[in-house]
Amino acid sequence: MREVSSVTPDWKREVPRCFWDPGRKLLKSIRDYQRFHLRSGLVDNFLTKACVIRHMFWSMVSGADIPLNSILGGGLLIPHPNGIVIHPEAQIGINCLIHQQVTIGVARSSEKPPQIGGHVDIGAGVKIIGNVTLGDHVKIGANAVVLDNIPDNCTAVGIPAKVIRK
């Protein structure tokens, strides 16, 4: 099995494979928006607005709430984007995998949002709440609630999430 890097993004993971590929199309609209939004010019302004419309469409189709200004590392994979909620200031690392119904956010507005390392696999239904940091090559089991930091190369499960394997 091929080892996934936590420092070098695999951009092929984000390329849409067919027309109906909501996760990858949603990511593409975010990436395009971030690229065109920084430029100035009439064409770039039009393309930025087109990206906003595409983002709204794919967000409605998938039921995902991933803001256009999200800090997403390259090679992000969201195979089933329905119900994913990501705080606008949360940082998602390189080559991460996020399954459906995942929430990455804060409980109070005064908290810093989560920071997720490279090559983190987040199972379905996981909640990552508050000022927590997940290291590189971490796996979070389905329906876990992460309230504490998880070090590199660990697997965590449960409510609240506890490290079960290093």
C-alpha atoms as a PDB file:
ATOM      1  CA  MET A   1       0.000   0.000   0.000  1.00  0.00           C
ATOM      2  CA  ARG A   2       1.275   3.463  -0.909  1.00  0.00           C
ATOM      3  CA  GLU A   3       2.221   5.773   1.956  1.00  0.00           C
ATOM      4  CA  VAL A   4       0.377   9.106   1.896  1.00  0.00           C
ATOM      5  CA  SER A   5       2.543  12.153   2.571  1.00  0.00           C
ATOM      6  CA  SER A   6       1.775  14.681   5.290  1.00  0.00           C
ATOM      7  CA  VAL A   7       3.941  17.380   3.684  1.00  0.00           C
ATOM      8  CA  THR A   8       3.562  17.051  -0.117  1.00  0.00           C
ATOM      9  CA  PRO A   9       0.020  17.547  -1.439  1.00  0.00           C
ATOM     10  CA  ASP A  10      -1.320  14.990  -3.913  1.00  0.00           C
ATOM     11  CA  TRP A  11      -3.423  17.298  -6.085  1.00  0.00           C
ATOM     12  CA  LYS A  12      -4.712  14.339  -8.166  1.00  0.00           C
ATOM     13  CA  ARG A  13      -6.961  13.405  -5.231  1.00  0.00           C
ATOM     14  CA  GLU A  14      -8.996  16.601  -5.821  1.00  0.00           C
ATOM     15  CA  VAL A  15      -9.519  16.268  -9.592  1.00  0.00           C
ATOM     16  CA  PRO A  16     -13.209  15.624 -10.441  1.00  0.00           C
ATOM     17  CA  ARG A  17     -13.617  12.205 -12.030  1.00  0.00           C
ATOM     18  CA  CYS A  18     -16.985  12.816 -13.695  1.00  0.00           C
ATOM     19  CA  PHE A  19     -19.650  15.512 -13.896  1.00  0.00           C
ATOM     20  CA  TRP A  20     -21.488  14.331 -10.773  1.00  0.00           C
ATOM     21  CA  ASP A  21     -18.719  14.377  -8.209  1.00  0.00           C
ATOM     22  CA  PRO A  22     -20.044  16.769  -5.512  1.00  0.00           C
ATOM     23  CA  GLY A  23     -17.096  16.562  -3.098  1.00  0.00           C
ATOM     24  CA  ARG A  24     -14.457  17.284  -5.686  1.00  0.00           C
ATOM     25  CA  LYS A  25     -16.605  19.884  -7.485  1.00  0.00           C
ATOM     26  CA  LEU A  26     -17.187  21.702  -4.191  1.00  0.00           C
ATOM     27  CA  LEU A  27     -13.428  21.717  -3.526  1.00  0.00           C
ATOM     28  CA  LYS A  28     -12.750  22.918  -7.076  1.00  0.00           C
ATOM     29  CA  SER A  29     -15.124  25.851  -6.627  1.00  0.00           C
ATOM     30  CA  ILE A  30     -13.331  26.797  -3.374  1.00  0.00           C
ATOM     31  CA  ARG A  31      -9.854  26.471  -4.943  1.00  0.00           C
ATOM     32  CA  ASP A  32     -10.906  28.501  -8.024  1.00  0.00           C
ATOM     33  CA  TYR A  33     -12.481  31.202  -5.856  1.00  0.00           C
ATOM     34  CA  GLN A  34      -9.341  31.539  -3.755  1.00  0.00           C
ATOM     35  CA  ARG A  35      -7.211  31.804  -6.910  1.00  0.00           C
ATOM     36  CA  PHE A  36      -9.372  34.413  -8.713  1.00  0.00           C
ATOM     37  CA  HIS A  37     -10.328  36.403  -5.601  1.00  0.00           C
ATOM     38  CA  LEU A  38      -6.752  37.611  -5.099  1.00  0.00           C
ATOM     39  CA  ARG A  39      -6.477  38.984  -8.638  1.00  0.00           C
ATOM     40  CA  SER A  40      -7.860  42.227  -9.958  1.00  0.00           C
ATOM     41  CA  GLY A  41      -9.439  42.750 -13.321  1.00  0.00           C
ATOM     42  CA  LEU A  42     -12.789  42.501 -15.028  1.00  0.00           C
ATOM     43  CA  VAL A  43     -12.424  38.855 -16.084  1.00  0.00           C
ATOM     44  CA  ASP A  44     -11.163  37.800 -12.640  1.00  0.00           C
ATOM     45  CA  ASN A  45     -14.086  39.622 -10.997  1.00  0.00           C
ATOM     46  CA  PHE A  46     -16.532  37.739 -13.236  1.00  0.00           C
ATOM     47  CA  LEU A  47     -14.800  34.395 -12.590  1.00  0.00           C
ATOM     48  CA  THR A  48     -14.867  35.046  -8.834  1.00  0.00           C
ATOM     49  CA  LYS A  49     -18.631  35.566  -8.974  1.00  0.00           C
ATOM     50  CA  ALA A  50     -19.041  32.438 -11.082  1.00  0.00           C
ATOM     51  CA  CYS A  51     -17.087  30.484  -8.438  1.00  0.00           C
ATOM     52  CA  VAL A  52     -19.404  31.818  -5.714  1.00  0.00           C
ATOM     53  CA  ILE A  53     -22.441  30.574  -7.667  1.00  0.00           C
ATOM     54  CA  ARG A  54     -20.802  27.171  -8.268  1.00  0.00           C
ATOM     55  CA  HIS A  55     -19.925  26.958  -4.560  1.00  0.00           C
ATOM     56  CA  MET A  56     -23.521  27.754  -3.580  1.00  0.00           C
ATOM     57  CA  PHE A  57     -24.813  25.059  -5.964  1.00  0.00           C
ATOM     58  CA  TRP A  58     -22.457  22.305  -4.795  1.00  0.00           C
ATOM     59  CA  SER A  59     -22.972  23.319  -1.152  1.00  0.00           C
ATOM     60  CA  MET A  60     -26.739  22.902  -1.578  1.00  0.00           C
ATOM     61  CA  VAL A  61     -26.333  19.586  -3.406  1.00  0.00           C
ATOM     62  CA  SER A  62     -24.027  18.179  -0.736  1.00  0.00           C
ATOM     63  CA  GLY A  63     -25.432  19.916   2.334  1.00  0.00           C
ATOM     64  CA  ALA A  64     -21.866  20.885   3.264  1.00  0.00           C
ATOM     65  CA  ASP A  65     -20.901  24.133   4.991  1.00  0.00           C
ATOM     66  CA  ILE A  66     -17.312  24.748   3.917  1.00  0.00           C
ATOM     67  CA  PRO A  67     -16.663  28.493   3.584  1.00  0.00           C
ATOM     68  CA  LEU A  68     -14.959  29.906   0.506  1.00  0.00           C
ATOM     69  CA  ASN A  69     -12.147  31.354   2.633  1.00  0.00           C
ATOM     70  CA  SER A  70     -11.365  28.053   4.386  1.00  0.00           C
ATOM     71  CA  ILE A  71      -7.742  27.119   5.031  1.00  0.00           C
ATOM     72  CA  LEU A  72      -7.573  23.743   3.304  1.00  0.00           C
ATOM     73  CA  GLY A  73      -4.362  21.889   2.564  1.00  0.00           C
ATOM     74  CA  GLY A  74      -3.858  20.389  -0.873  1.00  0.00           C
ATOM     75  CA  GLY A  75      -4.985  16.861  -1.630  1.00  0.00           C
ATOM     76  CA  LEU A  76      -8.083  17.054   0.587  1.00  0.00           C
ATOM     77  CA  LEU A  77     -10.510  14.212  -0.050  1.00  0.00           C
ATOM     78  CA  ILE A  78     -14.207  14.402   0.869  1.00  0.00           C
ATOM     79  CA  PRO A  79     -15.835  11.389  -0.811  1.00  0.00           C
ATOM     80  CA  HIS A  80     -19.272  11.971   0.764  1.00  0.00           C
ATOM     81  CA  PRO A  81     -19.503  15.701   1.559  1.00  0.00           C
ATOM     82  CA  ASN A  82     -23.023  15.688   2.986  1.00  0.00           C
ATOM     83  CA  GLY A  83     -23.289  17.393   6.351  1.00  0.00           C
ATOM     84  CA  ILE A  84     -19.649  18.494   6.646  1.00  0.00           C
ATOM     85  CA  VAL A  85     -19.273  21.731   8.631  1.00  0.00           C
ATOM     86  CA  ILE A  86     -15.883  23.459   8.863  1.00  0.00           C
ATOM     87  CA  HIS A  87     -15.171  26.629  10.835  1.00  0.00           C
ATOM     88  CA  PRO A  88     -13.804  29.345   8.497  1.00  0.00           C
ATOM     89  CA  GLU A  89     -10.601  29.719  10.546  1.00  0.00           C
ATOM     90  CA  ALA A  90      -9.938  26.014  11.143  1.00  0.00           C
ATOM     91  CA  GLN A  91      -6.807  24.766   9.440  1.00  0.00           C
ATOM     92  CA  ILE A  92      -6.954  21.477   7.565  1.00  0.00           C
ATOM     93  CA  GLY A  93      -3.622  19.886   6.636  1.00  0.00           C
ATOM     94  CA  ILE A  94      -2.353  18.263   3.471  1.00  0.00           C
ATOM     95  CA  ASN A  95      -3.830  15.011   2.086  1.00  0.00           C
ATOM     96  CA  CYS A  96      -6.563  14.731   4.714  1.00  0.00           C
ATOM     97  CA  LEU A  97      -9.663  12.568   4.354  1.00  0.00           C
ATOM     98  CA  ILE A  98     -12.953  13.842   5.796  1.00  0.00           C
ATOM     99  CA  HIS A  99     -16.047  11.635   5.755  1.00  0.00           C
ATOM    100  CA  GLN A 100     -19.694  12.676   5.987  1.00  0.00           C
ATOM    101  CA  GLN A 101     -21.387  14.463   8.922  1.00  0.00           C
ATOM    102  CA  VAL A 102     -18.090  15.818  10.320  1.00  0.00           C
ATOM    103  CA  THR A 103     -18.073  19.061  12.320  1.00  0.00           C
ATOM    104  CA  ILE A 104     -14.835  20.986  12.824  1.00  0.00           C
ATOM    105  CA  GLY A 105     -15.502  24.065  14.916  1.00  0.00           C
ATOM    106  CA  VAL A 106     -15.619  25.823  18.256  1.00  0.00           C
ATOM    107  CA  ALA A 107     -18.037  25.668  21.194  1.00  0.00           C
ATOM    108  CA  ARG A 108     -17.533  29.338  22.148  1.00  0.00           C
ATOM    109  CA  SER A 109     -16.680  32.243  19.886  1.00  0.00           C
ATOM    110  CA  SER A 110     -13.704  33.128  22.094  1.00  0.00           C
ATOM    111  CA  GLU A 111     -11.975  29.781  21.353  1.00  0.00           C
ATOM    112  CA  LYS A 112      -9.393  29.244  18.676  1.00  0.00           C
ATOM    113  CA  PRO A 113     -10.554  26.782  15.991  1.00  0.00           C
ATOM    114  CA  PRO A 114      -8.983  23.338  15.517  1.00  0.00           C
ATOM    115  CA  GLN A 115      -5.748  22.760  13.645  1.00  0.00           C
ATOM    116  CA  ILE A 116      -5.481  19.482  11.782  1.00  0.00           C
ATOM    117  CA  GLY A 117      -2.129  18.098  10.637  1.00  0.00           C
ATOM    118  CA  GLY A 118      -1.206  16.346   7.410  1.00  0.00           C
ATOM    119  CA  HIS A 119      -2.690  13.016   6.326  1.00  0.00           C
ATOM    120  CA  VAL A 120      -5.411  12.877   8.959  1.00  0.00           C
ATOM    121  CA  ASP A 121      -8.298  10.452   8.328  1.00  0.00           C
ATOM    122  CA  ILE A 122     -11.504  11.650   9.989  1.00  0.00           C
ATOM    123  CA  GLY A 123     -14.304   9.080  10.218  1.00  0.00           C
ATOM    124  CA  ALA A 124     -18.011   9.659   9.675  1.00  0.00           C
ATOM    125  CA  GLY A 125     -19.842  11.712  12.287  1.00  0.00           C
ATOM    126  CA  VAL A 126     -16.730  12.974  14.077  1.00  0.00           C
ATOM    127  CA  LYS A 127     -16.920  16.242  16.028  1.00  0.00           C
ATOM    128  CA  ILE A 128     -13.671  18.170  16.538  1.00  0.00           C
ATOM    129  CA  ILE A 129     -14.476  20.985  18.932  1.00  0.00           C
ATOM    130  CA  GLY A 130     -12.388  23.795  20.381  1.00  0.00           C
ATOM    131  CA  ASN A 131      -8.730  24.726  20.464  1.00  0.00           C
ATOM    132  CA  VAL A 132      -7.333  21.280  19.651  1.00  0.00           C
ATOM    133  CA  THR A 133      -4.461  20.161  17.461  1.00  0.00           C
ATOM    134  CA  LEU A 134      -4.347  16.864  15.593  1.00  0.00           C
ATOM    135  CA  GLY A 135      -0.869  15.715  14.587  1.00  0.00           C
ATOM    136  CA  ASP A 136       0.249  14.176  11.300  1.00  0.00           C
ATOM    137  CA  HIS A 137      -0.895  10.680  10.249  1.00  0.00           C
ATOM    138  CA  VAL A 138      -3.757  10.595  12.774  1.00  0.00           C
ATOM    139  CA  LYS A 139      -6.889   8.477  12.437  1.00  0.00           C
ATOM    140  CA  ILE A 140     -10.126   9.427  14.209  1.00  0.00           C
ATOM    141  CA  GLY A 141     -12.769   6.708  14.481  1.00  0.00           C
ATOM    142  CA  ALA A 142     -16.387   7.210  13.475  1.00  0.00           C
ATOM    143  CA  ASN A 143     -18.602   9.294  15.793  1.00  0.00           C
ATOM    144  CA  ALA A 144     -15.712  10.292  18.059  1.00  0.00           C
ATOM    145  CA  VAL A 145     -15.808  13.653  19.843  1.00  0.00           C
ATOM    146  CA  VAL A 146     -12.326  15.189  19.911  1.00  0.00           C
ATOM    147  CA  LEU A 147     -11.849  17.661  22.762  1.00  0.00           C
ATOM    148  CA  ASP A 148      -8.106  17.201  23.435  1.00  0.00           C
ATOM    149  CA  ASN A 149      -4.945  17.262  21.327  1.00  0.00           C
ATOM    150  CA  ILE A 150      -4.002  14.053  19.504  1.00  0.00           C
ATOM    151  CA  PRO A 151      -0.249  13.468  18.877  1.00  0.00           C
ATOM    152  CA  ASP A 152       1.304  12.299  15.589  1.00  0.00           C
ATOM    153  CA  ASN A 153       0.762   8.715  14.359  1.00  0.00           C
ATOM    154  CA  CYS A 154      -2.118   7.908  16.715  1.00  0.00           C
ATOM    155  CA  THR A 155      -5.605   6.470  16.412  1.00  0.00           C
ATOM    156  CA  ALA A 156      -8.347   7.920  18.630  1.00  0.00           C
ATOM    157  CA  VAL A 157     -11.925   6.750  19.221  1.00  0.00           C
ATOM    158  CA  GLY A 158     -14.780   7.336  21.623  1.00  0.00           C
ATOM    159  CA  ILE A 159     -16.700  10.082  23.378  1.00  0.00           C
ATOM    160  CA  PRO A 160     -14.595  11.926  24.373  1.00  0.00           C
ATOM    161  CA  ALA A 161     -11.897  10.632  22.021  1.00  0.00           C
ATOM    162  CA  LYS A 162      -9.041   8.698  23.624  1.00  0.00           C
ATOM    163  CA  VAL A 163      -5.870   7.473  21.963  1.00  0.00           C
ATOM    164  CA  ILE A 164      -6.004   3.688  21.528  1.00  0.00           C
ATOM    165  CA  ARG A 165      -2.986   3.110  19.295  1.00  0.00           C
ATOM    166  CA  LYS A 166       0.324   4.869  18.711  1.00  0.00           C
END
